[in-house]
Amino acid sequence: MKIGMIVVVTVVAMSAVTGCERASSPTTVNKHVAEARADAQRQDNKALADAAVTEAKGRHEIAIQRCNGLAGDQQKACKDQADAAYELAKANANAQKVATDNGNTP
């Protein structure tokens, strides 16, 4: 009787353990893979947009320093141009982020 009980307990324990390791259906696996890829793509796009803003900021700072070598109206025009280029780069990066957030890939 004890051996029979040990066998039953062992079978039940093995069933519980192996039930947790059941493979998902191919459809479920494909869905999860597609979701993971889409999420990774969104994260990549956001990182690229952030990098574009950082690069634009660096270019802007360099341009402003170059403008400081000019005087009067030339300096003002130079700074205005540098500011406009920086604002355009930021707007483009933000548009890329919004498109990414909405599920679109620019």
N, C-alpha and C. Protein backbone atom coordinates (compact mmCIF):
# COMPACT_ATOMS: atom_id res chain seq x y z
N MET A 1 0.81 -1.19 0.00
CA MET A 1 0.00 0.00 0.00
C MET A 1 0.86 1.25 0.00
N LYS A 2 1.96 1.25 0.78
CA LYS A 2 2.83 2.43 0.81
C LYS A 2 3.46 2.68 -0.54
N ILE A 3 3.85 1.63 -1.23
CA ILE A 3 4.47 1.78 -2.55
C ILE A 3 3.46 2.36 -3.52
N GLY A 4 2.24 1.90 -3.45
CA GLY A 4 1.19 2.42 -4.34
C GLY A 4 0.96 3.91 -4.10
N MET A 5 0.97 4.31 -2.84
CA MET A 5 0.78 5.72 -2.49
C MET A 5 1.96 6.55 -2.97
N ILE A 6 3.16 6.03 -2.84
CA ILE A 6 4.36 6.74 -3.31
C ILE A 6 4.29 6.92 -4.82
N VAL A 7 3.86 5.89 -5.53
CA VAL A 7 3.75 5.97 -6.98
C VAL A 7 2.72 7.03 -7.37
N VAL A 8 1.58 7.06 -6.70
CA VAL A 8 0.53 8.03 -7.00
C VAL A 8 1.04 9.45 -6.73
N VAL A 9 1.68 9.66 -5.59
CA VAL A 9 2.22 10.98 -5.25
C VAL A 9 3.27 11.39 -6.27
N THR A 10 4.12 10.49 -6.67
CA THR A 10 5.16 10.78 -7.66
C THR A 10 4.54 11.15 -9.00
N VAL A 11 3.55 10.42 -9.44
CA VAL A 11 2.88 10.69 -10.72
C VAL A 11 2.20 12.06 -10.68
N VAL A 12 1.51 12.36 -9.58
CA VAL A 12 0.84 13.66 -9.46
C VAL A 12 1.87 14.78 -9.46
N ALA A 13 2.95 14.62 -8.73
CA ALA A 13 4.00 15.64 -8.67
C ALA A 13 4.63 15.84 -10.05
N MET A 14 4.90 14.77 -10.76
CA MET A 14 5.50 14.88 -12.10
C MET A 14 4.53 15.55 -13.07
N SER A 15 3.26 15.26 -12.94
CA SER A 15 2.25 15.88 -13.81
C SER A 15 2.19 17.39 -13.57
N ALA A 16 2.27 17.79 -12.32
CA ALA A 16 2.22 19.21 -11.98
C ALA A 16 3.44 19.94 -12.54
N VAL A 17 4.59 19.33 -12.41
CA VAL A 17 5.83 19.95 -12.89
C VAL A 17 5.86 20.03 -14.41
N THR A 18 5.51 18.97 -15.08
CA THR A 18 5.56 18.98 -16.54
C THR A 18 4.45 19.81 -17.14
N GLY A 19 3.34 19.99 -16.45
CA GLY A 19 2.25 20.83 -16.96
C GLY A 19 2.67 22.28 -17.09
N CYS A 20 3.58 22.74 -16.27
CA CYS A 20 4.05 24.13 -16.31
C CYS A 20 4.96 24.38 -17.49
N GLU A 21 5.53 23.36 -18.04
CA GLU A 21 6.50 23.49 -19.13
C GLU A 21 5.87 23.23 -20.49
N ARG A 22 4.57 23.32 -20.57
CA ARG A 22 3.86 23.03 -21.81
C ARG A 22 4.18 24.12 -22.84
N ALA A 23 4.44 23.73 -24.05
CA ALA A 23 4.77 24.66 -25.12
C ALA A 23 3.53 25.43 -25.55
N SER A 24 3.72 26.71 -25.90
CA SER A 24 2.62 27.51 -26.41
C SER A 24 2.37 27.13 -27.86
N SER A 25 1.17 27.44 -28.32
CA SER A 25 0.83 27.13 -29.71
C SER A 25 1.65 28.02 -30.64
N PRO A 26 1.89 27.59 -31.87
CA PRO A 26 2.65 28.42 -32.82
C PRO A 26 2.01 29.79 -33.04
N THR A 27 0.69 29.84 -33.04
CA THR A 27 0.00 31.12 -33.22
C THR A 27 0.32 32.08 -32.07
N THR A 28 0.29 31.56 -30.85
CA THR A 28 0.61 32.39 -29.69
C THR A 28 2.06 32.83 -29.72
N VAL A 29 2.94 31.93 -30.06
CA VAL A 29 4.36 32.26 -30.13
C VAL A 29 4.60 33.33 -31.19
N ASN A 30 4.00 33.18 -32.36
CA ASN A 30 4.16 34.17 -33.43
C ASN A 30 3.63 35.53 -33.01
N LYS A 31 2.51 35.53 -32.30
CA LYS A 31 1.93 36.80 -31.81
C LYS A 31 2.89 37.48 -30.84
N HIS A 32 3.44 36.71 -29.90
CA HIS A 32 4.36 37.28 -28.92
C HIS A 32 5.65 37.78 -29.57
N VAL A 33 6.13 37.06 -30.55
CA VAL A 33 7.34 37.47 -31.27
C VAL A 33 7.07 38.78 -32.02
N ALA A 34 5.93 38.87 -32.68
CA ALA A 34 5.58 40.09 -33.42
C ALA A 34 5.45 41.28 -32.48
N GLU A 35 4.84 41.06 -31.32
CA GLU A 35 4.70 42.14 -30.33
C GLU A 35 6.07 42.59 -29.81
N ALA A 36 6.94 41.64 -29.56
CA ALA A 36 8.29 41.97 -29.07
C ALA A 36 9.07 42.74 -30.12
N ARG A 37 8.95 42.33 -31.38
CA ARG A 37 9.64 43.04 -32.47
C ARG A 37 9.12 44.46 -32.61
N ALA A 38 7.80 44.63 -32.55
CA ALA A 38 7.20 45.97 -32.67
C ALA A 38 7.63 46.86 -31.52
N ASP A 39 7.67 46.30 -30.32
CA ASP A 39 8.11 47.07 -29.16
C ASP A 39 9.58 47.48 -29.31
N ALA A 40 10.40 46.57 -29.76
CA ALA A 40 11.82 46.87 -29.96
C ALA A 40 12.00 47.96 -31.02
N GLN A 41 11.20 47.90 -32.07
CA GLN A 41 11.28 48.92 -33.13
C GLN A 41 10.87 50.29 -32.60
N ARG A 42 9.81 50.33 -31.79
CA ARG A 42 9.39 51.60 -31.18
C ARG A 42 10.49 52.17 -30.29
N GLN A 43 11.10 51.32 -29.50
CA GLN A 43 12.18 51.78 -28.62
C GLN A 43 13.37 52.28 -29.43
N ASP A 44 13.70 51.58 -30.51
CA ASP A 44 14.79 52.03 -31.39
C ASP A 44 14.49 53.39 -32.00
N ASN A 45 13.25 53.56 -32.47
CA ASN A 45 12.87 54.83 -33.08
C ASN A 45 12.94 55.98 -32.08
N LYS A 46 12.49 55.73 -30.86
CA LYS A 46 12.56 56.77 -29.82
C LYS A 46 14.02 57.11 -29.51
N ALA A 47 14.86 56.10 -29.43
CA ALA A 47 16.28 56.33 -29.16
C ALA A 47 16.92 57.13 -30.28
N LEU A 48 16.55 56.83 -31.52
CA LEU A 48 17.09 57.59 -32.66
C LEU A 48 16.63 59.04 -32.61
N ALA A 49 15.37 59.26 -32.22
CA ALA A 49 14.86 60.63 -32.11
C ALA A 49 15.60 61.38 -31.00
N ASP A 50 15.81 60.71 -29.88
CA ASP A 50 16.56 61.35 -28.78
C ASP A 50 17.98 61.68 -29.21
N ALA A 51 18.60 60.78 -29.94
CA ALA A 51 19.96 61.02 -30.42
C ALA A 51 19.98 62.19 -31.41
N ALA A 52 18.94 62.31 -32.23
CA ALA A 52 18.86 63.41 -33.19
C ALA A 52 18.77 64.75 -32.46
N VAL A 53 18.02 64.80 -31.37
CA VAL A 53 17.91 66.03 -30.58
C VAL A 53 19.25 66.36 -29.94
N THR A 54 19.91 65.37 -29.40
CA THR A 54 21.22 65.58 -28.78
C THR A 54 22.23 66.09 -29.80
N GLU A 55 22.22 65.50 -30.98
CA GLU A 55 23.14 65.94 -32.04
C GLU A 55 22.82 67.37 -32.46
N ALA A 56 21.55 67.67 -32.59
CA ALA A 56 21.14 69.03 -32.99
C ALA A 56 21.56 70.05 -31.94
N LYS A 57 21.46 69.67 -30.68
CA LYS A 57 21.87 70.58 -29.60
C LYS A 57 23.37 70.87 -29.69
N GLY A 58 24.15 69.83 -29.95
CA GLY A 58 25.59 70.02 -30.09
C GLY A 58 25.93 70.90 -31.28
N ARG A 59 25.27 70.66 -32.40
CA ARG A 59 25.50 71.50 -33.58
C ARG A 59 25.11 72.95 -33.31
N HIS A 60 24.03 73.12 -32.58
CA HIS A 60 23.57 74.47 -32.25
C HIS A 60 24.60 75.20 -31.40
N GLU A 61 25.12 74.53 -30.41
CA GLU A 61 26.13 75.15 -29.53
C GLU A 61 27.38 75.54 -30.32
N ILE A 62 27.80 74.68 -31.23
CA ILE A 62 28.96 74.99 -32.06
C ILE A 62 28.66 76.20 -32.96
N ALA A 63 27.48 76.20 -33.55
CA ALA A 63 27.11 77.31 -34.45
C ALA A 63 27.07 78.63 -33.68
N ILE A 64 26.52 78.60 -32.49
CA ILE A 64 26.45 79.83 -31.68
C ILE A 64 27.85 80.34 -31.37
N GLN A 65 28.77 79.45 -31.06
CA GLN A 65 30.14 79.87 -30.78
C GLN A 65 30.78 80.50 -32.02
N ARG A 66 30.50 79.91 -33.18
CA ARG A 66 31.02 80.50 -34.42
C ARG A 66 30.40 81.88 -34.66
N CYS A 67 29.13 82.01 -34.35
CA CYS A 67 28.44 83.30 -34.53
C CYS A 67 29.05 84.37 -33.62
N ASN A 68 29.52 83.96 -32.47
CA ASN A 68 30.12 84.92 -31.53
C ASN A 68 31.37 85.57 -32.12
N GLY A 69 31.93 84.98 -33.14
CA GLY A 69 33.09 85.56 -33.81
C GLY A 69 32.71 86.67 -34.77
N LEU A 70 31.43 86.83 -35.00
CA LEU A 70 30.94 87.89 -35.88
C LEU A 70 30.47 89.07 -35.04
N ALA A 71 30.12 90.14 -35.72
CA ALA A 71 29.66 91.33 -34.98
C ALA A 71 28.37 91.85 -35.60
N GLY A 72 27.62 92.58 -34.79
CA GLY A 72 26.45 93.32 -35.25
C GLY A 72 25.39 92.46 -35.90
N ASP A 73 24.92 92.96 -37.07
CA ASP A 73 23.82 92.29 -37.77
C ASP A 73 24.22 90.89 -38.25
N GLN A 74 25.48 90.73 -38.62
CA GLN A 74 25.93 89.39 -39.06
C GLN A 74 25.81 88.38 -37.93
N GLN A 75 26.19 88.80 -36.72
CA GLN A 75 26.10 87.90 -35.57
C GLN A 75 24.64 87.55 -35.29
N LYS A 76 23.77 88.53 -35.31
CA LYS A 76 22.35 88.29 -35.05
C LYS A 76 21.77 87.35 -36.10
N ALA A 77 22.06 87.59 -37.37
CA ALA A 77 21.55 86.74 -38.45
C ALA A 77 22.09 85.31 -38.31
N CYS A 78 23.34 85.19 -37.94
CA CYS A 78 23.96 83.88 -37.76
C CYS A 78 23.27 83.12 -36.62
N LYS A 79 23.04 83.81 -35.50
CA LYS A 79 22.38 83.16 -34.36
C LYS A 79 20.94 82.80 -34.69
N ASP A 80 20.27 83.68 -35.42
CA ASP A 80 18.89 83.38 -35.82
C ASP A 80 18.84 82.13 -36.69
N GLN A 81 19.79 82.00 -37.59
CA GLN A 81 19.85 80.83 -38.47
C GLN A 81 20.16 79.57 -37.65
N ALA A 82 21.08 79.68 -36.71
CA ALA A 82 21.42 78.53 -35.86
C ALA A 82 20.22 78.11 -35.02
N ASP A 83 19.50 79.09 -34.48
CA ASP A 83 18.31 78.79 -33.67
C ASP A 83 17.23 78.12 -34.51
N ALA A 84 17.04 78.63 -35.73
CA ALA A 84 16.02 78.06 -36.61
C ALA A 84 16.36 76.61 -36.97
N ALA A 85 17.62 76.34 -37.26
CA ALA A 85 18.03 74.97 -37.59
C ALA A 85 17.82 74.04 -36.40
N TYR A 86 18.12 74.53 -35.21
CA TYR A 86 17.95 73.73 -34.00
C TYR A 86 16.46 73.43 -33.76
N GLU A 87 15.62 74.44 -33.90
CA GLU A 87 14.19 74.25 -33.69
C GLU A 87 13.60 73.28 -34.71
N LEU A 88 14.07 73.37 -35.94
CA LEU A 88 13.60 72.45 -36.99
C LEU A 88 14.01 71.01 -36.66
N ALA A 89 15.24 70.82 -36.22
CA ALA A 89 15.71 69.47 -35.87
C ALA A 89 14.91 68.91 -34.70
N LYS A 90 14.63 69.75 -33.71
CA LYS A 90 13.81 69.29 -32.56
C LYS A 90 12.40 68.93 -33.01
N ALA A 91 11.82 69.75 -33.88
CA ALA A 91 10.46 69.48 -34.36
C ALA A 91 10.41 68.15 -35.13
N ASN A 92 11.41 67.92 -35.97
CA ASN A 92 11.46 66.66 -36.71
C ASN A 92 11.59 65.46 -35.79
N ALA A 93 12.43 65.60 -34.77
CA ALA A 93 12.62 64.50 -33.81
C ALA A 93 11.34 64.25 -33.02
N ASN A 94 10.67 65.33 -32.62
CA ASN A 94 9.42 65.16 -31.88
C ASN A 94 8.34 64.55 -32.76
N ALA A 95 8.31 64.91 -34.03
CA ALA A 95 7.35 64.30 -34.95
C ALA A 95 7.63 62.81 -35.08
N GLN A 96 8.90 62.44 -35.10
CA GLN A 96 9.27 61.03 -35.18
C GLN A 96 8.81 60.29 -33.92
N LYS A 97 8.97 60.93 -32.76
CA LYS A 97 8.51 60.31 -31.51
C LYS A 97 7.01 60.13 -31.51
N VAL A 98 6.27 61.15 -31.95
CA VAL A 98 4.81 61.06 -31.98
C VAL A 98 4.37 59.96 -32.92
N ALA A 99 5.00 59.89 -34.08
CA ALA A 99 4.65 58.82 -35.03
C ALA A 99 4.93 57.46 -34.43
N THR A 100 6.02 57.35 -33.71
CA THR A 100 6.37 56.09 -33.05
C THR A 100 5.35 55.75 -31.96
N ASP A 101 4.97 56.76 -31.17
CA ASP A 101 4.00 56.53 -30.11
C ASP A 101 2.65 56.09 -30.67
N ASN A 102 2.34 56.55 -31.87
CA ASN A 102 1.06 56.18 -32.50
C ASN A 102 1.14 54.87 -33.25
N GLY A 103 2.29 54.22 -33.20
CA GLY A 103 2.44 52.93 -33.84
C GLY A 103 2.89 53.00 -35.28
N ASN A 104 3.19 54.20 -35.76
CA ASN A 104 3.67 54.36 -37.13
C ASN A 104 5.19 54.35 -37.14
N THR A 105 5.76 53.82 -38.18
CA THR A 105 7.20 53.83 -38.32
C THR A 105 7.55 54.84 -39.40
N PRO A 106 8.27 55.93 -39.02
CA PRO A 106 8.58 56.95 -40.02
C PRO A 106 9.56 56.45 -41.06
